[in-house]
Amino acid sequence: MASKMGYKESRSNRKEPAMSLADANKNLKWDIRLTERNLNVGDLKTDELKKHLEQLPDLASNVETFTMDGKNTSADDSH
């Protein structure tokens, strides 16, 4: 919880400076829910987004599919 002095208590009960709104917004730059907004208002450029997406690792081999009834549909049911 933030205090009047702009500090918050961490889990270890140390006082840390509260994050500013500007810092919080920087942390959300790549949040998929805000990408379209950031592009529209000019906070993010299409080329910058494309470069960021291209550098993300391909995690397709780590997916596990399931049906709505919760049954695993992957070929490897060893879990």
PDB file of N, CA and C in Angstrom:
ATOM      1  N   MET A   1       0.841  -1.165   0.000  1.00  0.00           N
ATOM      2  CA  MET A   1       0.000   0.000   0.000  1.00  0.00           C
ATOM      3  C   MET A   1       0.895   1.240   0.000  1.00  0.00           C
ATOM      4  N   ALA A   2       0.557   2.225  -0.816  1.00  0.00           N
ATOM      5  CA  ALA A   2       1.338   3.456  -0.911  1.00  0.00           C
ATOM      6  C   ALA A   2       0.992   4.364   0.259  1.00  0.00           C
ATOM      7  N   SER A   3       1.993   5.012   0.772  1.00  0.00           N
ATOM      8  CA  SER A   3       1.767   5.955   1.861  1.00  0.00           C
ATOM      9  C   SER A   3       1.727   7.370   1.317  1.00  0.00           C
ATOM     10  N   LYS A   4       1.504   8.337   2.198  1.00  0.00           N
ATOM     11  CA  LYS A   4       1.469   9.737   1.779  1.00  0.00           C
ATOM     12  C   LYS A   4       2.826  10.193   1.238  1.00  0.00           C
ATOM     13  N   MET A   5       3.888   9.538   1.628  1.00  0.00           N
ATOM     14  CA  MET A   5       5.233   9.927   1.210  1.00  0.00           C
ATOM     15  C   MET A   5       5.628   9.313  -0.132  1.00  0.00           C
ATOM     16  N   GLY A   6       4.752   8.527  -0.750  1.00  0.00           N
ATOM     17  CA  GLY A   6       5.068   7.919  -2.033  1.00  0.00           C
ATOM     18  C   GLY A   6       5.877   6.651  -1.914  1.00  0.00           C
ATOM     19  N   TYR A   7       5.777   5.983  -0.786  1.00  0.00           N
ATOM     20  CA  TYR A   7       6.475   4.725  -0.589  1.00  0.00           C
ATOM     21  C   TYR A   7       5.454   3.639  -0.332  1.00  0.00           C
ATOM     22  N   LYS A   8       5.833   2.412  -0.652  1.00  0.00           N
ATOM     23  CA  LYS A   8       4.980   1.281  -0.354  1.00  0.00           C
ATOM     24  C   LYS A   8       5.797   0.275   0.420  1.00  0.00           C
ATOM     25  N   GLU A   9       5.126  -0.527   1.202  1.00  0.00           N
ATOM     26  CA  GLU A   9       5.828  -1.571   1.933  1.00  0.00           C
ATOM     27  C   GLU A   9       5.865  -2.819   1.071  1.00  0.00           C
ATOM     28  N   SER A  10       7.043  -3.411   0.988  1.00  0.00           N
ATOM     29  CA  SER A  10       7.178  -4.642   0.213  1.00  0.00           C
ATOM     30  C   SER A  10       6.855  -5.820   1.118  1.00  0.00           C
ATOM     31  N   ARG A  11       6.874  -7.002   0.571  1.00  0.00           N
ATOM     32  CA  ARG A  11       6.587  -8.202   1.363  1.00  0.00           C
ATOM     33  C   ARG A  11       7.599  -8.384   2.482  1.00  0.00           C
ATOM     34  N   SER A  12       8.793  -7.878   2.309  1.00  0.00           N
ATOM     35  CA  SER A  12       9.813  -8.007   3.349  1.00  0.00           C
ATOM     36  C   SER A  12       9.764  -6.826   4.314  1.00  0.00           C
ATOM     37  N   ASN A  13       8.688  -6.025   4.229  1.00  0.00           N
ATOM     38  CA  ASN A  13       8.469  -4.867   5.096  1.00  0.00           C
ATOM     39  C   ASN A  13       9.501  -3.754   4.914  1.00  0.00           C
ATOM     40  N   ARG A  14      10.243  -3.786   3.803  1.00  0.00           N
ATOM     41  CA  ARG A  14      11.136  -2.672   3.482  1.00  0.00           C
ATOM     42  C   ARG A  14      10.334  -1.642   2.732  1.00  0.00           C
ATOM     43  N   LYS A  15      10.648  -0.401   2.930  1.00  0.00           N
ATOM     44  CA  LYS A  15       9.952   0.644   2.189  1.00  0.00           C
ATOM     45  C   LYS A  15      10.672   0.868   0.868  1.00  0.00           C
ATOM     46  N   GLU A  16       9.892   0.794  -0.215  1.00  0.00           N
ATOM     47  CA  GLU A  16      10.412   1.000  -1.559  1.00  0.00           C
ATOM     48  C   GLU A  16       9.651   2.153  -2.185  1.00  0.00           C
ATOM     49  N   PRO A  17      10.305   2.920  -3.051  1.00  0.00           N
ATOM     50  CA  PRO A  17       9.583   4.007  -3.720  1.00  0.00           C
ATOM     51  C   PRO A  17       8.417   3.451  -4.532  1.00  0.00           C
ATOM     52  N   ALA A  18       7.272   4.109  -4.466  1.00  0.00           N
ATOM     53  CA  ALA A  18       6.114   3.692  -5.257  1.00  0.00           C
ATOM     54  C   ALA A  18       6.402   3.937  -6.735  1.00  0.00           C
ATOM     55  N   MET A  19       5.894   3.068  -7.595  1.00  0.00           N
ATOM     56  CA  MET A  19       6.108   3.215  -9.028  1.00  0.00           C
ATOM     57  C   MET A  19       5.284   4.389  -9.552  1.00  0.00           C
ATOM     58  N   SER A  20       5.914   5.213 -10.360  1.00  0.00           N
ATOM     59  CA  SER A  20       5.181   6.342 -10.947  1.00  0.00           C
ATOM     60  C   SER A  20       4.270   5.832 -12.056  1.00  0.00           C
ATOM     61  N   LEU A  21       3.303   6.629 -12.417  1.00  0.00           N
ATOM     62  CA  LEU A  21       2.396   6.267 -13.499  1.00  0.00           C
ATOM     63  C   LEU A  21       3.161   6.103 -14.807  1.00  0.00           C
ATOM     64  N   ALA A  22       4.145   6.965 -15.036  1.00  0.00           N
ATOM     65  CA  ALA A  22       4.948   6.866 -16.263  1.00  0.00           C
ATOM     66  C   ALA A  22       5.704   5.540 -16.314  1.00  0.00           C
ATOM     67  N   ASP A  23       6.275   5.113 -15.179  1.00  0.00           N
ATOM     68  CA  ASP A  23       6.993   3.839 -15.127  1.00  0.00           C
ATOM     69  C   ASP A  23       6.035   2.667 -15.331  1.00  0.00           C
ATOM     70  N   ALA A  24       4.866   2.764 -14.734  1.00  0.00           N
ATOM     71  CA  ALA A  24       3.872   1.701 -14.901  1.00  0.00           C
ATOM     72  C   ALA A  24       3.470   1.582 -16.365  1.00  0.00           C
ATOM     73  N   ASN A  25       3.288   2.715 -17.040  1.00  0.00           N
ATOM     74  CA  ASN A  25       2.927   2.696 -18.465  1.00  0.00           C
ATOM     75  C   ASN A  25       4.032   2.105 -19.319  1.00  0.00           C
ATOM     76  N   LYS A  26       5.298   2.376 -18.983  1.00  0.00           N
ATOM     77  CA  LYS A  26       6.421   1.793 -19.725  1.00  0.00           C
ATOM     78  C   LYS A  26       6.400   0.270 -19.595  1.00  0.00           C
ATOM     79  N   ASN A  27       6.066  -0.224 -18.405  1.00  0.00           N
ATOM     80  CA  ASN A  27       6.005  -1.671 -18.188  1.00  0.00           C
ATOM     81  C   ASN A  27       4.889  -2.309 -18.990  1.00  0.00           C
ATOM     82  N   LEU A  28       3.879  -1.543 -19.350  1.00  0.00           N
ATOM     83  CA  LEU A  28       2.742  -2.070 -20.100  1.00  0.00           C
ATOM     84  C   LEU A  28       2.871  -1.879 -21.609  1.00  0.00           C
ATOM     85  N   LYS A  29       3.991  -1.363 -22.062  1.00  0.00           N
ATOM     86  CA  LYS A  29       4.164  -1.061 -23.488  1.00  0.00           C
ATOM     87  C   LYS A  29       3.871  -2.274 -24.365  1.00  0.00           C
ATOM     88  N   TRP A  30       4.292  -3.446 -23.952  1.00  0.00           N
ATOM     89  CA  TRP A  30       4.139  -4.642 -24.779  1.00  0.00           C
ATOM     90  C   TRP A  30       2.922  -5.458 -24.391  1.00  0.00           C
ATOM     91  N   ASP A  31       2.106  -4.967 -23.480  1.00  0.00           N
ATOM     92  CA  ASP A  31       0.897  -5.676 -23.080  1.00  0.00           C
ATOM     93  C   ASP A  31      -0.035  -5.773 -24.290  1.00  0.00           C
ATOM     94  N   ILE A  32      -0.379  -6.981 -24.677  1.00  0.00           N
ATOM     95  CA  ILE A  32      -1.173  -7.216 -25.891  1.00  0.00           C
ATOM     96  C   ILE A  32      -2.513  -6.495 -25.833  1.00  0.00           C
ATOM     97  N   ARG A  33      -3.047  -6.278 -24.637  1.00  0.00           N
ATOM     98  CA  ARG A  33      -4.328  -5.594 -24.500  1.00  0.00           C
ATOM     99  C   ARG A  33      -4.224  -4.112 -24.841  1.00  0.00           C
ATOM    100  N   LEU A  34      -3.000  -3.557 -24.838  1.00  0.00           N
ATOM    101  CA  LEU A  34      -2.802  -2.131 -25.095  1.00  0.00           C
ATOM    102  C   LEU A  34      -2.092  -1.839 -26.411  1.00  0.00           C
ATOM    103  N   THR A  35      -1.703  -2.876 -27.132  1.00  0.00           N
ATOM    104  CA  THR A  35      -0.936  -2.692 -28.365  1.00  0.00           C
ATOM    105  C   THR A  35      -1.651  -1.804 -29.375  1.00  0.00           C
ATOM    106  N   GLU A  36      -2.916  -2.088 -29.641  1.00  0.00           N
ATOM    107  CA  GLU A  36      -3.657  -1.292 -30.627  1.00  0.00           C
ATOM    108  C   GLU A  36      -3.764   0.166 -30.182  1.00  0.00           C
ATOM    109  N   ARG A  37      -4.033   0.385 -28.913  1.00  0.00           N
ATOM    110  CA  ARG A  37      -4.119   1.747 -28.390  1.00  0.00           C
ATOM    111  C   ARG A  37      -2.782   2.460 -28.547  1.00  0.00           C
ATOM    112  N   ASN A  38      -1.705   1.782 -28.168  1.00  0.00           N
ATOM    113  CA  ASN A  38      -0.374   2.390 -28.269  1.00  0.00           C
ATOM    114  C   ASN A  38      -0.015   2.734 -29.712  1.00  0.00           C
ATOM    115  N   LEU A  39      -0.428   1.901 -30.657  1.00  0.00           N
ATOM    116  CA  LEU A  39      -0.203   2.198 -32.071  1.00  0.00           C
ATOM    117  C   LEU A  39      -1.016   3.422 -32.492  1.00  0.00           C
ATOM    118  N   ASN A  40      -2.267   3.484 -32.065  1.00  0.00           N
ATOM    119  CA  ASN A  40      -3.160   4.575 -32.462  1.00  0.00           C
ATOM    120  C   ASN A  40      -2.731   5.933 -31.918  1.00  0.00           C
ATOM    121  N   VAL A  41      -2.201   5.967 -30.703  1.00  0.00           N
ATOM    122  CA  VAL A  41      -1.820   7.250 -30.105  1.00  0.00           C
ATOM    123  C   VAL A  41      -0.358   7.604 -30.379  1.00  0.00           C
ATOM    124  N   GLY A  42       0.358   6.722 -31.060  1.00  0.00           N
ATOM    125  CA  GLY A  42       1.739   7.017 -31.431  1.00  0.00           C
ATOM    126  C   GLY A  42       2.781   6.645 -30.394  1.00  0.00           C
ATOM    127  N   ASP A  43       2.373   5.943 -29.329  1.00  0.00           N
ATOM    128  CA  ASP A  43       3.339   5.502 -28.318  1.00  0.00           C
ATOM    129  C   ASP A  43       4.157   4.310 -28.802  1.00  0.00           C
ATOM    130  N   LEU A  44       3.699   3.679 -29.870  1.00  0.00           N
ATOM    131  CA  LEU A  44       4.350   2.503 -30.419  1.00  0.00           C
ATOM    132  C   LEU A  44       4.282   2.584 -31.933  1.00  0.00           C
ATOM    133  N   LYS A  45       5.380   2.295 -32.588  1.00  0.00           N
ATOM    134  CA  LYS A  45       5.421   2.322 -34.046  1.00  0.00           C
ATOM    135  C   LYS A  45       5.296   0.888 -34.566  1.00  0.00           C
ATOM    136  N   THR A  46       4.674   0.736 -35.727  1.00  0.00           N
ATOM    137  CA  THR A  46       4.451  -0.584 -36.317  1.00  0.00           C
ATOM    138  C   THR A  46       5.759  -1.347 -36.481  1.00  0.00           C
ATOM    139  N   ASP A  47       6.810  -0.668 -36.959  1.00  0.00           N
ATOM    140  CA  ASP A  47       8.111  -1.326 -37.136  1.00  0.00           C
ATOM    141  C   ASP A  47       8.675  -1.809 -35.809  1.00  0.00           C
ATOM    142  N   GLU A  48       8.484  -1.013 -34.761  1.00  0.00           N
ATOM    143  CA  GLU A  48       8.972  -1.371 -33.429  1.00  0.00           C
ATOM    144  C   GLU A  48       8.237  -2.616 -32.916  1.00  0.00           C
ATOM    145  N   LEU A  49       6.927  -2.664 -33.112  1.00  0.00           N
ATOM    146  CA  LEU A  49       6.136  -3.825 -32.699  1.00  0.00           C
ATOM    147  C   LEU A  49       6.561  -5.064 -33.480  1.00  0.00           C
ATOM    148  N   LYS A  50       6.732  -4.918 -34.791  1.00  0.00           N
ATOM    149  CA  LYS A  50       7.140  -6.048 -35.622  1.00  0.00           C
ATOM    150  C   LYS A  50       8.489  -6.597 -35.164  1.00  0.00           C
ATOM    151  N   LYS A  51       9.439  -5.723 -34.885  1.00  0.00           N
ATOM    152  CA  LYS A  51      10.767  -6.150 -34.421  1.00  0.00           C
ATOM    153  C   LYS A  51      10.654  -6.892 -33.087  1.00  0.00           C
ATOM    154  N   HIS A  52       9.828  -6.368 -32.184  1.00  0.00           N
ATOM    155  CA  HIS A  52       9.645  -7.005 -30.878  1.00  0.00           C
ATOM    156  C   HIS A  52       9.047  -8.404 -31.042  1.00  0.00           C
ATOM    157  N   LEU A  53       8.020  -8.522 -31.878  1.00  0.00           N
ATOM    158  CA  LEU A  53       7.366  -9.808 -32.074  1.00  0.00           C
ATOM    159  C   LEU A  53       8.295 -10.828 -32.724  1.00  0.00           C
ATOM    160  N   GLU A  54       9.146 -10.379 -33.635  1.00  0.00           N
ATOM    161  CA  GLU A  54      10.075 -11.285 -34.317  1.00  0.00           C
ATOM    162  C   GLU A  54      11.137 -11.830 -33.369  1.00  0.00           C
ATOM    163  N   GLN A  55      11.457 -11.097 -32.309  1.00  0.00           N
ATOM    164  CA  GLN A  55      12.502 -11.569 -31.396  1.00  0.00           C
ATOM    165  C   GLN A  55      11.968 -12.481 -30.286  1.00  0.00           C
ATOM    166  N   LEU A  56      10.632 -12.630 -30.194  1.00  0.00           N
ATOM    167  CA  LEU A  56      10.064 -13.513 -29.190  1.00  0.00           C
ATOM    168  C   LEU A  56      10.345 -14.965 -29.560  1.00  0.00           C
ATOM    169  N   PRO A  57      10.601 -15.820 -28.570  1.00  0.00           N
ATOM    170  CA  PRO A  57      10.870 -17.225 -28.870  1.00  0.00           C
ATOM    171  C   PRO A  57       9.608 -17.935 -29.350  1.00  0.00           C
ATOM    172  N   ASP A  58       9.786 -18.953 -30.186  1.00  0.00           N
ATOM    173  CA  ASP A  58       8.671 -19.763 -30.668  1.00  0.00           C
ATOM    174  C   ASP A  58       8.400 -20.850 -29.626  1.00  0.00           C
ATOM    175  N   LEU A  59       7.284 -20.746 -28.953  1.00  0.00           N
ATOM    176  CA  LEU A  59       6.934 -21.696 -27.897  1.00  0.00           C
ATOM    177  C   LEU A  59       5.837 -22.660 -28.324  1.00  0.00           C
ATOM    178  N   ALA A  60       5.639 -22.795 -29.633  1.00  0.00           N
ATOM    179  CA  ALA A  60       4.577 -23.654 -30.152  1.00  0.00           C
ATOM    180  C   ALA A  60       4.717 -25.096 -29.678  1.00  0.00           C
ATOM    181  N   SER A  61       5.922 -25.555 -29.476  1.00  0.00           N
ATOM    182  CA  SER A  61       6.119 -26.947 -29.053  1.00  0.00           C
ATOM    183  C   SER A  61       5.736 -27.152 -27.585  1.00  0.00           C
ATOM    184  N   ASN A  62       5.491 -26.074 -26.852  1.00  0.00           N
ATOM    185  CA  ASN A  62       5.151 -26.192 -25.434  1.00  0.00           C
ATOM    186  C   ASN A  62       3.653 -26.165 -25.164  1.00  0.00           C
ATOM    187  N   VAL A  63       2.835 -26.055 -26.199  1.00  0.00           N
ATOM    188  CA  VAL A  63       1.394 -25.957 -25.973  1.00  0.00           C
ATOM    189  C   VAL A  63       0.797 -27.307 -25.642  1.00  0.00           C
ATOM    190  N   GLU A  64      -0.246 -27.266 -24.871  1.00  0.00           N
ATOM    191  CA  GLU A  64      -1.005 -28.462 -24.562  1.00  0.00           C
ATOM    192  C   GLU A  64      -2.463 -28.131 -24.847  1.00  0.00           C
ATOM    193  N   THR A  65      -3.048 -28.851 -25.772  1.00  0.00           N
ATOM    194  CA  THR A  65      -4.439 -28.573 -26.138  1.00  0.00           C
ATOM    195  C   THR A  65      -5.379 -29.398 -25.269  1.00  0.00           C
ATOM    196  N   PHE A  66      -6.570 -28.892 -25.085  1.00  0.00           N
ATOM    197  CA  PHE A  66      -7.573 -29.604 -24.310  1.00  0.00           C
ATOM    198  C   PHE A  66      -8.955 -29.229 -24.818  1.00  0.00           C
ATOM    199  N   THR A  67      -9.910 -30.032 -24.488  1.00  0.00           N
ATOM    200  CA  THR A  67     -11.283 -29.751 -24.871  1.00  0.00           C
ATOM    201  C   THR A  67     -11.982 -29.068 -23.706  1.00  0.00           C
ATOM    202  N   MET A  68     -13.180 -28.585 -23.956  1.00  0.00           N
ATOM    203  CA  MET A  68     -13.926 -27.899 -22.906  1.00  0.00           C
ATOM    204  C   MET A  68     -14.290 -28.824 -21.753  1.00  0.00           C
ATOM    205  N   ASP A  69     -14.311 -30.134 -21.997  1.00  0.00           N
ATOM    206  CA  ASP A  69     -14.598 -31.060 -20.901  1.00  0.00           C
ATOM    207  C   ASP A  69     -13.340 -31.383 -20.100  1.00  0.00           C
ATOM    208  N   GLY A  70     -12.207 -30.760 -20.472  1.00  0.00           N
ATOM    209  CA  GLY A  70     -10.970 -30.893 -19.713  1.00  0.00           C
ATOM    210  C   GLY A  70     -10.081 -32.040 -20.132  1.00  0.00           C
ATOM    211  N   LYS A  71     -10.477 -32.801 -21.128  1.00  0.00           N
ATOM    212  CA  LYS A  71      -9.661 -33.927 -21.566  1.00  0.00           C
ATOM    213  C   LYS A  71      -8.541 -33.440 -22.464  1.00  0.00           C
ATOM    214  N   ASN A  72      -7.358 -33.969 -22.232  1.00  0.00           N
ATOM    215  CA  ASN A  72      -6.179 -33.626 -23.016  1.00  0.00           C
ATOM    216  C   ASN A  72      -6.329 -34.211 -24.411  1.00  0.00           C
ATOM    217  N   THR A  73      -6.054 -33.411 -25.440  1.00  0.00           N
ATOM    218  CA  THR A  73      -6.177 -33.897 -26.820  1.00  0.00           C
ATOM    219  C   THR A  73      -4.832 -34.013 -27.513  1.00  0.00           C
ATOM    220  N   SER A  74      -3.724 -33.790 -26.774  1.00  0.00           N
ATOM    221  CA  SER A  74      -2.418 -33.880 -27.433  1.00  0.00           C
ATOM    222  C   SER A  74      -2.059 -35.348 -27.661  1.00  0.00           C
ATOM    223  N   ALA A  75      -1.148 -35.586 -28.579  1.00  0.00           N
ATOM    224  CA  ALA A  75      -0.731 -36.939 -28.909  1.00  0.00           C
ATOM    225  C   ALA A  75      -0.008 -37.587 -27.749  1.00  0.00           C
ATOM    226  N   ASP A  76       0.684 -36.788 -26.934  1.00  0.00           N
ATOM    227  CA  ASP A  76       1.441 -37.306 -25.797  1.00  0.00           C
ATOM    228  C   ASP A  76       0.630 -37.103 -24.528  1.00  0.00           C
ATOM    229  N   ASP A  77      -0.076 -38.144 -24.093  1.00  0.00           N
ATOM    230  CA  ASP A  77      -0.903 -38.082 -22.888  1.00  0.00           C
ATOM    231  C   ASP A  77      -0.164 -38.647 -21.676  1.00  0.00           C
ATOM    232  N   SER A  78       1.147 -38.477 -21.599  1.00  0.00           N
ATOM    233  CA  SER A  78       1.935 -39.081 -20.533  1.00  0.00           C
ATOM    234  C   SER A  78       1.937 -38.250 -19.256  1.00  0.00           C
ATOM    235  N   HIS A  79       1.234 -37.123 -19.224  1.00  0.00           N
ATOM    236  CA  HIS A  79       1.238 -36.258 -18.037  1.00  0.00           C
ATOM    237  C   HIS A  79       0.329 -36.787 -16.976  1.00  0.00           C
TER     238      HIS A  79
END
